[in-house]
Amino acid sequence: MLKTPIARGVALATLGATLAIPTLAQAAFVEDTKAGLELRNFYLNSDYRQEGADQSKQDEWAQGFILRVESGYTEGTVGFGVDALGLLGVKLDSGRGRTGTGLLPATASGAPDEYSELGLTAKAKVSKSVLKVGTLQLKNPAVATSDSRLLPAVMRGAQVVSNEIDGLTLDLGYVDQINNRNSTNYEDMGINTSGKGITGTKGVESDEFVYLGGTYKVTKDLSTSYYYSNLEDLYKQHALNLVHVLPIGKDQSLKTDLRYQRSTDDGNTNVDNKAFGAMVTYSLSGHGFGLGYQRMSGDTGFAYVGGNIDPYLVNFVQIGDFAKEDERSWQARYDYNFAAIGIPGLTFMTRYITGDNFERTGVSEGKEWERDTDIAYTFQEGALKNLNIKWRNATFRSNGTADDIDQNRLIVSYTIPLM
């Protein structure tokens, strides 16, 4: 149900523009069209290690098909176009008691054999500004739809991105519903409340999320951004980000990434959080050495849209977000690109995150930690060129009520260019 005039306008604009495009088609609209089919094979196993776990493991294997079509624009002062996103997930292995990985929908009778959806996005371009209406995949400090499972999460709404001023990107958007990674249904939005001390959300969902922000490239090595967002009735948030890359010498640099977010309630909740994060990375040839720090303060943990949304936090990693009330967390990270020794396409990453100082039921001080390792290889030539294989391993432990998890993901992906 479209509950607001804005939501109805978004739906009508999508339908109207989609129907109008064929009559406006011109050479550039067709010639600039890009299309690709990504084949994504995904195996995920989560082994729950704490005593008395409700579920001993989650274990599923599935094949995903992701079709992306991006048209060009018609000629004229205002150019029109349309994008399409086709998603299909096919079950290869699952079973009762093993669902819940996020690869496939979970039902009382187990996972279905397949699920699918089609998303359409109408777009218009004037000079260096683009309006999109319909299915959106968003990625900015205010909201980022997750693409870490078989199929990506998407949202429904409208977005304007403008690059009229050199070095400045303005970004504003309206969203009324979210479609999660393992779902074909659009839903209203809530807050991620896991361990964050946020109250007032029971039975409260929102069909209006708005954001406005921009990024300014001060110099080629320094950029800054500010975003304001509001999930109606639930929270308001201001987000600041500063990124600086200091060239030190040949194949050497020092990158500093500073983030600060201030979140407050919007009527129904008790949201009150200040989140500070810093990540410093020293790069030398193929090596990357990173140190991160993240601190939560205020009456609650960090607020962000619930469902499959990635929060803009330096210590949001494979399993945890380390964003509970008053939590402090540290991260040590190492990356290596084997292209530096003549093996292009092979990369390695490992990191360790530890958090403390948050309240947990039955313990004086909450503590948790996570260890992640990624190994990936993309074939560079031959019949398997551009085939990517990635193994992701994570171990998460907590002395409170959070799940203790050993997790493995194996992802094989290949994109076939169609146009």
Protein backbone atom coordinates (compact mmCIF):
# COMPACT_ATOMS: atom_id res chain seq x y z
CA MET A 1 0.00 0.00 0.00
CA LEU A 2 1.34 3.45 -0.92
CA LYS A 3 0.61 5.45 2.21
CA THR A 4 1.86 8.95 1.37
CA PRO A 5 1.43 11.37 -1.56
CA ILE A 6 5.20 11.24 -2.15
CA ALA A 7 5.14 7.45 -2.30
CA ARG A 8 2.27 7.52 -4.78
CA GLY A 9 4.19 10.07 -6.86
CA VAL A 10 7.28 7.87 -6.91
CA ALA A 11 5.29 4.88 -8.16
CA LEU A 12 3.41 6.87 -10.81
CA ALA A 13 6.59 8.57 -12.05
CA THR A 14 8.32 5.20 -12.42
CA LEU A 15 5.42 3.74 -14.39
CA GLY A 16 4.93 6.82 -16.55
CA ALA A 17 8.57 7.26 -17.45
CA THR A 18 8.98 3.54 -18.17
CA LEU A 19 6.04 3.61 -20.58
CA ALA A 20 7.25 6.82 -22.24
CA ILE A 21 10.81 5.72 -22.92
CA PRO A 22 10.09 3.55 -26.00
CA THR A 23 8.45 6.50 -27.79
CA LEU A 24 11.44 8.72 -27.03
CA ALA A 25 14.12 6.23 -28.05
CA GLN A 26 16.96 7.67 -30.10
CA ALA A 27 20.41 6.49 -31.16
CA ALA A 28 22.25 7.47 -27.96
CA PHE A 29 19.61 5.75 -25.84
CA VAL A 30 20.39 2.41 -27.52
CA GLU A 31 24.08 2.83 -28.35
CA ASP A 32 25.04 3.78 -24.77
CA THR A 33 23.07 0.94 -23.21
CA LYS A 34 25.11 -1.44 -21.05
CA ALA A 35 23.98 -4.87 -19.89
CA GLY A 36 25.60 -7.66 -17.95
CA LEU A 37 24.59 -10.92 -16.29
CA GLU A 38 26.40 -11.81 -13.07
CA LEU A 39 26.41 -15.47 -12.06
CA ARG A 40 26.99 -15.70 -8.31
CA ASN A 41 27.40 -19.10 -6.62
CA PHE A 42 27.30 -18.75 -2.83
CA TYR A 43 27.86 -21.21 0.01
CA LEU A 44 27.49 -19.99 3.62
CA ASN A 45 27.93 -21.93 6.87
CA SER A 46 27.47 -20.43 10.34
CA ASP A 47 28.32 -22.71 13.27
CA TYR A 48 26.85 -21.46 16.57
CA ARG A 49 29.23 -22.31 19.39
CA GLN A 50 27.54 -20.97 22.55
CA GLU A 51 25.89 -23.39 24.94
CA GLY A 52 22.12 -23.67 24.52
CA ALA A 53 22.02 -22.03 21.10
CA ASP A 54 18.54 -21.97 19.54
CA GLN A 55 20.02 -23.17 16.26
CA SER A 56 23.23 -25.19 16.03
CA LYS A 57 24.08 -24.07 12.51
CA GLN A 58 22.94 -22.32 9.36
CA ASP A 59 24.08 -24.01 6.20
CA GLU A 60 22.88 -23.21 2.66
CA TRP A 61 24.14 -23.20 -0.93
CA ALA A 62 22.51 -21.27 -3.76
CA GLN A 63 22.98 -19.93 -7.28
CA GLY A 64 22.18 -16.32 -8.06
CA PHE A 65 21.56 -14.58 -11.37
CA ILE A 66 21.82 -10.78 -11.39
CA LEU A 67 20.89 -9.02 -14.64
CA ARG A 68 21.76 -5.33 -14.81
CA VAL A 69 20.68 -3.17 -17.75
CA GLU A 70 21.56 0.54 -17.88
CA SER A 71 20.27 2.46 -20.86
CA GLY A 72 21.77 5.56 -22.38
CA TYR A 73 19.81 8.82 -22.52
CA THR A 74 17.64 10.28 -25.23
CA GLU A 75 18.98 13.40 -26.93
CA GLY A 76 17.92 16.92 -25.96
CA THR A 77 18.21 19.30 -23.02
CA VAL A 78 16.60 16.67 -20.82
CA GLY A 79 17.69 13.11 -21.55
CA PHE A 80 15.52 10.20 -20.48
CA GLY A 81 16.45 6.59 -19.83
CA VAL A 82 15.49 3.48 -17.90
CA ASP A 83 17.44 0.86 -15.96
CA ALA A 84 16.40 -2.67 -15.08
CA LEU A 85 17.54 -5.06 -12.37
CA GLY A 86 16.52 -8.71 -12.68
CA LEU A 87 17.19 -11.00 -9.70
CA LEU A 88 16.83 -14.78 -9.46
CA GLY A 89 17.96 -17.03 -6.63
CA VAL A 90 17.94 -20.83 -6.97
CA LYS A 91 18.30 -23.23 -4.03
CA LEU A 92 21.04 -25.84 -4.41
CA ASP A 93 21.11 -27.14 -0.85
CA SER A 94 19.17 -26.26 2.30
CA GLY A 95 16.89 -27.92 4.83
CA ARG A 96 14.86 -27.44 7.97
CA GLY A 97 17.02 -26.36 10.86
CA ARG A 98 19.69 -24.98 8.52
CA THR A 99 17.92 -21.89 7.10
CA GLY A 100 18.55 -18.27 8.03
CA THR A 101 21.82 -17.62 6.19
CA GLY A 102 20.29 -14.73 4.24
CA LEU A 103 20.88 -16.51 0.94
CA LEU A 104 17.32 -17.82 0.63
CA PRO A 105 13.94 -16.88 2.13
CA ALA A 106 13.28 -18.75 5.38
CA THR A 107 9.79 -20.20 5.92
CA ALA A 108 8.25 -22.66 8.36
CA SER A 109 8.54 -25.38 5.72
CA GLY A 110 12.12 -24.46 4.76
CA ALA A 111 13.58 -22.47 1.89
CA PRO A 112 11.73 -22.29 -1.46
CA ASP A 113 13.32 -23.74 -4.58
CA GLU A 114 13.69 -20.27 -6.11
CA TYR A 115 12.73 -16.64 -5.72
CA SER A 116 12.93 -13.69 -8.09
CA GLU A 117 12.07 -10.07 -8.72
CA LEU A 118 12.33 -7.36 -11.37
CA GLY A 119 13.18 -3.77 -10.52
CA LEU A 120 12.77 -0.82 -12.91
CA THR A 121 14.25 2.64 -12.56
CA ALA A 122 13.27 5.64 -14.68
CA LYS A 123 15.93 8.31 -15.00
CA ALA A 124 16.36 11.82 -16.40
CA LYS A 125 19.55 13.79 -16.97
CA VAL A 126 20.04 17.55 -17.24
CA SER A 127 23.62 18.73 -17.69
CA LYS A 128 25.55 16.92 -14.91
CA SER A 129 22.52 16.14 -12.73
CA VAL A 130 20.65 12.82 -12.74
CA LEU A 131 17.24 11.98 -11.26
CA LYS A 132 16.39 8.31 -10.67
CA VAL A 133 12.95 7.07 -9.61
CA GLY A 134 12.08 3.46 -8.79
CA THR A 135 14.39 0.65 -7.69
CA LEU A 136 17.56 2.00 -6.04
CA GLN A 137 20.83 0.58 -4.77
CA LEU A 138 22.19 3.29 -2.49
CA LYS A 139 25.67 3.74 -1.06
CA ASN A 140 26.52 6.84 0.96
CA PRO A 141 27.17 7.76 4.63
CA ALA A 142 23.43 8.01 5.30
CA VAL A 143 22.32 4.64 3.87
CA ALA A 144 23.95 1.75 2.01
CA THR A 145 22.02 -1.25 0.71
CA SER A 146 23.86 -4.51 1.34
CA ASP A 147 25.24 -6.71 -1.45
CA SER A 148 27.01 -9.29 0.73
CA ARG A 149 24.76 -12.30 0.05
CA LEU A 150 23.36 -14.09 -3.00
CA LEU A 151 21.29 -11.11 -4.22
CA PRO A 152 21.50 -7.42 -3.31
CA ALA A 153 19.04 -5.55 -1.13
CA VAL A 154 17.24 -2.68 -2.86
CA MET A 155 15.06 0.26 -1.89
CA ARG A 156 12.19 2.03 -3.59
CA GLY A 157 12.24 5.78 -3.97
CA ALA A 158 13.83 8.72 -5.75
CA GLN A 159 17.40 10.04 -5.85
CA VAL A 160 19.10 13.10 -7.35
CA VAL A 161 22.88 13.22 -7.81
CA SER A 162 24.38 16.48 -9.08
CA ASN A 163 27.96 17.23 -10.18
CA GLU A 164 27.40 20.73 -11.57
CA ILE A 165 30.24 22.24 -9.50
CA ASP A 166 33.71 20.78 -10.06
CA GLY A 167 34.78 18.71 -7.07
CA LEU A 168 31.33 18.83 -5.42
CA THR A 169 28.82 15.97 -5.53
CA LEU A 170 25.36 16.68 -4.11
CA ASP A 171 23.14 13.73 -3.24
CA LEU A 172 19.56 13.74 -1.99
CA GLY A 173 16.97 11.03 -1.81
CA TYR A 174 13.60 9.79 -0.60
CA VAL A 175 12.84 6.13 0.19
CA ASP A 176 9.52 4.64 1.20
CA GLN A 177 10.28 0.90 1.39
CA ILE A 178 13.07 -1.69 1.49
CA ASN A 179 13.33 -5.09 -0.19
CA ASN A 180 15.80 -7.26 1.72
CA ARG A 181 18.42 -9.56 0.20
CA ASN A 182 16.46 -12.80 0.56
CA SER A 183 13.00 -11.41 -0.08
CA THR A 184 10.74 -10.39 -2.96
CA ASN A 185 8.50 -8.22 -0.78
CA TYR A 186 8.84 -4.49 -0.16
CA GLU A 187 8.39 -3.53 3.49
CA ASP A 188 8.30 -0.48 5.74
CA MET A 189 11.52 0.34 7.58
CA GLY A 190 12.60 0.07 11.21
CA ILE A 191 15.81 0.54 13.23
CA ASN A 192 18.53 -2.02 13.84
CA THR A 193 18.19 -2.38 17.64
CA SER A 194 20.43 -5.41 18.30
CA GLY A 195 22.10 -4.79 21.69
CA LYS A 196 21.89 -1.03 21.30
CA GLY A 197 19.50 -0.12 24.13
CA ILE A 198 17.06 1.53 21.71
CA THR A 199 13.44 1.48 22.90
CA GLY A 200 10.12 2.71 21.57
CA THR A 201 10.33 0.76 18.31
CA LYS A 202 7.81 -1.99 19.09
CA GLY A 203 5.09 -1.84 16.46
CA VAL A 204 6.62 1.32 14.96
CA GLU A 205 7.78 1.29 11.36
CA SER A 206 8.35 4.09 8.89
CA ASP A 207 7.55 4.53 5.21
CA GLU A 208 9.64 7.67 4.83
CA PHE A 209 13.43 7.92 4.89
CA VAL A 210 14.98 11.11 3.50
CA TYR A 211 18.59 12.22 3.22
CA LEU A 212 20.54 15.18 1.89
CA GLY A 213 24.28 15.50 1.67
CA GLY A 214 27.35 15.99 -0.42
CA THR A 215 31.03 15.29 -0.86
CA TYR A 216 33.59 17.96 -1.69
CA LYS A 217 37.04 17.14 -3.02
CA VAL A 218 39.13 19.92 -1.47
CA THR A 219 42.34 18.73 -3.15
CA LYS A 220 43.28 15.55 -5.00
CA ASP A 221 44.32 14.09 -1.63
CA LEU A 222 41.61 15.49 0.66
CA SER A 223 37.84 15.07 0.58
CA THR A 224 35.10 15.82 3.08
CA SER A 225 31.39 15.00 3.26
CA TYR A 226 28.30 15.85 5.27
CA TYR A 227 24.94 14.02 5.23
CA TYR A 228 21.69 14.61 7.09
CA SER A 229 19.10 11.83 7.24
CA ASN A 230 15.74 11.21 8.90
CA LEU A 231 13.83 7.95 9.33
CA GLU A 232 10.42 9.43 10.11
CA ASP A 233 9.21 8.85 13.70
CA LEU A 234 12.38 6.95 14.60
CA TYR A 235 15.63 8.94 14.32
CA LYS A 236 17.52 11.89 12.84
CA GLN A 237 21.21 11.80 12.05
CA HIS A 238 24.07 14.10 11.05
CA ALA A 239 27.16 12.43 9.53
CA LEU A 240 30.58 14.00 8.92
CA ASN A 241 33.50 12.33 7.13
CA LEU A 242 37.04 13.44 6.32
CA VAL A 243 39.40 11.36 4.15
CA HIS A 244 43.02 12.33 3.51
CA VAL A 245 45.70 10.42 1.60
CA LEU A 246 49.27 11.57 2.24
CA PRO A 247 51.77 10.48 -0.43
CA ILE A 248 55.02 9.57 1.32
CA GLY A 249 57.21 8.22 -1.44
CA LYS A 250 57.23 5.74 -4.26
CA ASP A 251 54.46 3.18 -3.65
CA GLN A 252 53.88 4.59 -0.15
CA SER A 253 50.97 6.50 1.35
CA LEU A 254 49.20 7.17 4.63
CA LYS A 255 45.38 7.28 4.50
CA THR A 256 43.33 8.81 7.33
CA ASP A 257 39.55 8.23 7.46
CA LEU A 258 37.68 10.12 10.23
CA ARG A 259 33.92 9.67 10.81
CA TYR A 260 31.47 11.27 13.24
CA GLN A 261 27.71 10.76 13.48
CA ARG A 262 25.20 12.35 15.83
CA SER A 263 21.87 10.52 16.12
CA THR A 264 18.77 11.67 18.01
CA ASP A 265 15.17 10.47 18.34
CA ASP A 266 12.34 11.59 16.07
CA GLY A 267 9.37 11.26 18.39
CA ASN A 268 8.84 7.57 19.20
CA THR A 269 12.23 6.34 20.36
CA ASN A 270 14.97 7.14 22.87
CA VAL A 271 17.78 7.31 20.26
CA ASP A 272 20.72 9.36 21.59
CA ASN A 273 24.14 8.45 20.21
CA LYS A 274 27.46 9.99 19.26
CA ALA A 275 29.63 7.72 17.11
CA PHE A 276 33.29 8.48 16.42
CA GLY A 277 35.47 6.35 14.17
CA ALA A 278 39.02 6.63 12.84
CA MET A 279 40.95 4.36 10.48
CA VAL A 280 44.58 4.99 9.56
CA THR A 281 46.15 2.85 6.83
CA TYR A 282 49.80 2.80 5.79
CA SER A 283 50.36 1.38 2.30
CA LEU A 284 53.73 0.15 1.09
CA SER A 285 53.93 -1.51 -2.33
CA GLY A 286 51.37 -4.34 -2.07
CA HIS A 287 51.07 -4.14 1.73
CA GLY A 288 48.42 -2.32 3.75
CA PHE A 289 48.67 -1.89 7.54
CA GLY A 290 45.57 -0.44 9.22
CA LEU A 291 44.63 0.61 12.76
CA GLY A 292 41.07 1.59 13.67
CA TYR A 293 39.25 2.99 16.70
CA GLN A 294 35.50 3.38 17.23
CA ARG A 295 33.64 4.84 20.21
CA MET A 296 29.94 5.03 21.04
CA SER A 297 28.61 7.51 23.62
CA GLY A 298 25.17 8.71 24.67
CA ASP A 299 22.13 6.88 26.02
CA THR A 300 21.89 4.32 23.18
CA GLY A 301 23.97 2.57 20.59
CA PHE A 302 24.26 3.63 16.94
CA ALA A 303 21.02 4.06 14.96
CA TYR A 304 20.64 2.94 11.36
CA VAL A 305 17.91 1.53 9.13
CA GLY A 306 17.09 -2.09 9.98
CA GLY A 307 17.12 -4.95 7.51
CA ASN A 308 19.99 -5.39 5.09
CA ILE A 309 21.63 -1.98 5.44
CA ASP A 310 25.38 -1.51 6.00
CA PRO A 311 26.11 1.19 8.62
CA TYR A 312 28.84 3.73 7.84
CA LEU A 313 31.18 2.64 10.65
CA VAL A 314 34.89 1.81 10.50
CA ASN A 315 34.36 -1.29 12.66
CA PHE A 316 31.34 -2.68 10.80
CA VAL A 317 32.80 -5.99 9.59
CA GLN A 318 31.65 -9.45 8.46
CA ILE A 319 29.50 -10.29 11.50
CA GLY A 320 29.57 -7.47 14.08
CA ASP A 321 29.13 -3.71 13.96
CA PHE A 322 30.62 -2.99 17.43
CA ALA A 323 28.06 -0.21 17.89
CA LYS A 324 26.40 -1.02 21.22
CA GLU A 325 25.71 1.57 23.90
CA ASP A 326 29.00 3.03 25.23
CA GLU A 327 31.08 0.45 23.33
CA ARG A 328 34.74 1.06 22.56
CA SER A 329 36.41 -1.02 19.86
CA TRP A 330 39.80 -1.29 18.19
CA GLN A 331 40.79 -2.85 14.87
CA ALA A 332 44.09 -4.09 13.45
CA ARG A 333 44.07 -4.94 9.75
CA TYR A 334 46.53 -6.23 7.16
CA ASP A 335 46.03 -6.40 3.37
CA TYR A 336 48.28 -7.73 0.65
CA ASN A 337 47.94 -7.52 -3.12
CA PHE A 338 50.06 -10.24 -4.72
CA ALA A 339 50.33 -8.22 -7.93
CA ALA A 340 53.34 -6.64 -6.21
CA ILE A 341 55.23 -9.92 -6.61
CA GLY A 342 53.90 -10.78 -10.04
CA ILE A 343 50.63 -12.56 -9.20
CA PRO A 344 47.89 -10.15 -10.32
CA GLY A 345 44.34 -11.00 -9.26
CA LEU A 346 45.30 -12.58 -5.91
CA THR A 347 44.50 -10.60 -2.73
CA PHE A 348 44.56 -11.31 1.00
CA MET A 349 43.03 -9.54 4.01
CA THR A 350 42.96 -10.30 7.72
CA ARG A 351 41.75 -8.20 10.65
CA TYR A 352 41.04 -8.43 14.36
CA ILE A 353 38.47 -6.29 16.19
CA THR A 354 37.92 -6.19 19.94
CA GLY A 355 35.21 -4.27 21.79
CA ASP A 356 34.38 -3.62 25.46
CA ASN A 357 32.75 -1.20 27.95
CA PHE A 358 29.13 -2.02 27.05
CA GLU A 359 26.47 -3.45 29.37
CA ARG A 360 25.39 -7.05 28.88
CA THR A 361 22.81 -9.07 30.80
CA GLY A 362 24.41 -10.98 33.68
CA VAL A 363 27.96 -9.61 33.30
CA SER A 364 29.70 -6.56 34.76
CA GLU A 365 31.21 -5.47 31.44
CA GLY A 366 30.40 -6.64 27.96
CA LYS A 367 33.26 -7.77 25.76
CA GLU A 368 33.34 -9.16 22.23
CA TRP A 369 35.84 -9.78 19.46
CA GLU A 370 35.93 -10.83 15.81
CA ARG A 371 38.63 -12.20 13.53
CA ASP A 372 38.15 -12.11 9.74
CA THR A 373 40.17 -13.48 6.84
CA ASP A 374 39.48 -13.01 3.11
CA ILE A 375 41.35 -14.64 0.23
CA ALA A 376 40.28 -13.84 -3.35
CA TYR A 377 41.54 -14.59 -6.82
CA THR A 378 40.37 -13.29 -10.20
CA PHE A 379 41.60 -15.23 -13.23
CA GLN A 380 43.50 -12.89 -15.54
CA GLU A 381 43.52 -14.85 -18.81
CA GLY A 382 42.40 -17.99 -20.58
CA ALA A 383 38.95 -19.55 -20.66
CA LEU A 384 38.31 -18.57 -17.02
CA LYS A 385 39.31 -14.91 -17.44
CA ASN A 386 37.44 -12.63 -14.96
CA LEU A 387 36.11 -15.56 -12.92
CA ASN A 388 36.40 -14.55 -9.26
CA ILE A 389 36.71 -16.95 -6.32
CA LYS A 390 36.57 -15.65 -2.74
CA TRP A 391 36.74 -17.42 0.62
CA ARG A 392 35.66 -15.45 3.70
CA ASN A 393 36.21 -16.80 7.22
CA ALA A 394 35.07 -15.15 10.46
CA THR A 395 35.08 -16.00 14.16
CA PHE A 396 32.96 -13.96 16.59
CA ARG A 397 32.84 -14.30 20.38
CA SER A 398 30.96 -12.42 23.12
CA ASN A 399 30.69 -12.83 26.89
CA GLY A 400 27.07 -11.66 26.85
CA THR A 401 23.95 -12.82 25.04
CA ALA A 402 25.26 -12.38 21.49
CA ASP A 403 25.80 -15.51 19.43
CA ASP A 404 29.26 -17.09 19.27
CA ILE A 405 29.77 -17.85 15.59
CA ASP A 406 32.30 -19.57 13.34
CA GLN A 407 31.41 -18.63 9.78
CA ASN A 408 32.64 -19.53 6.30
CA ARG A 409 31.52 -18.13 2.96
CA LEU A 410 32.63 -19.36 -0.44
CA ILE A 411 31.65 -17.15 -3.37
CA VAL A 412 32.29 -17.84 -7.05
CA SER A 413 31.18 -15.10 -9.44
CA TYR A 414 31.41 -14.35 -13.13
CA THR A 415 29.87 -11.53 -15.13
CA ILE A 416 28.90 -12.05 -18.78
CA PRO A 417 28.80 -8.76 -20.74
CA LEU A 418 25.66 -8.71 -22.89
CA MET A 419 25.88 -5.22 -24.40
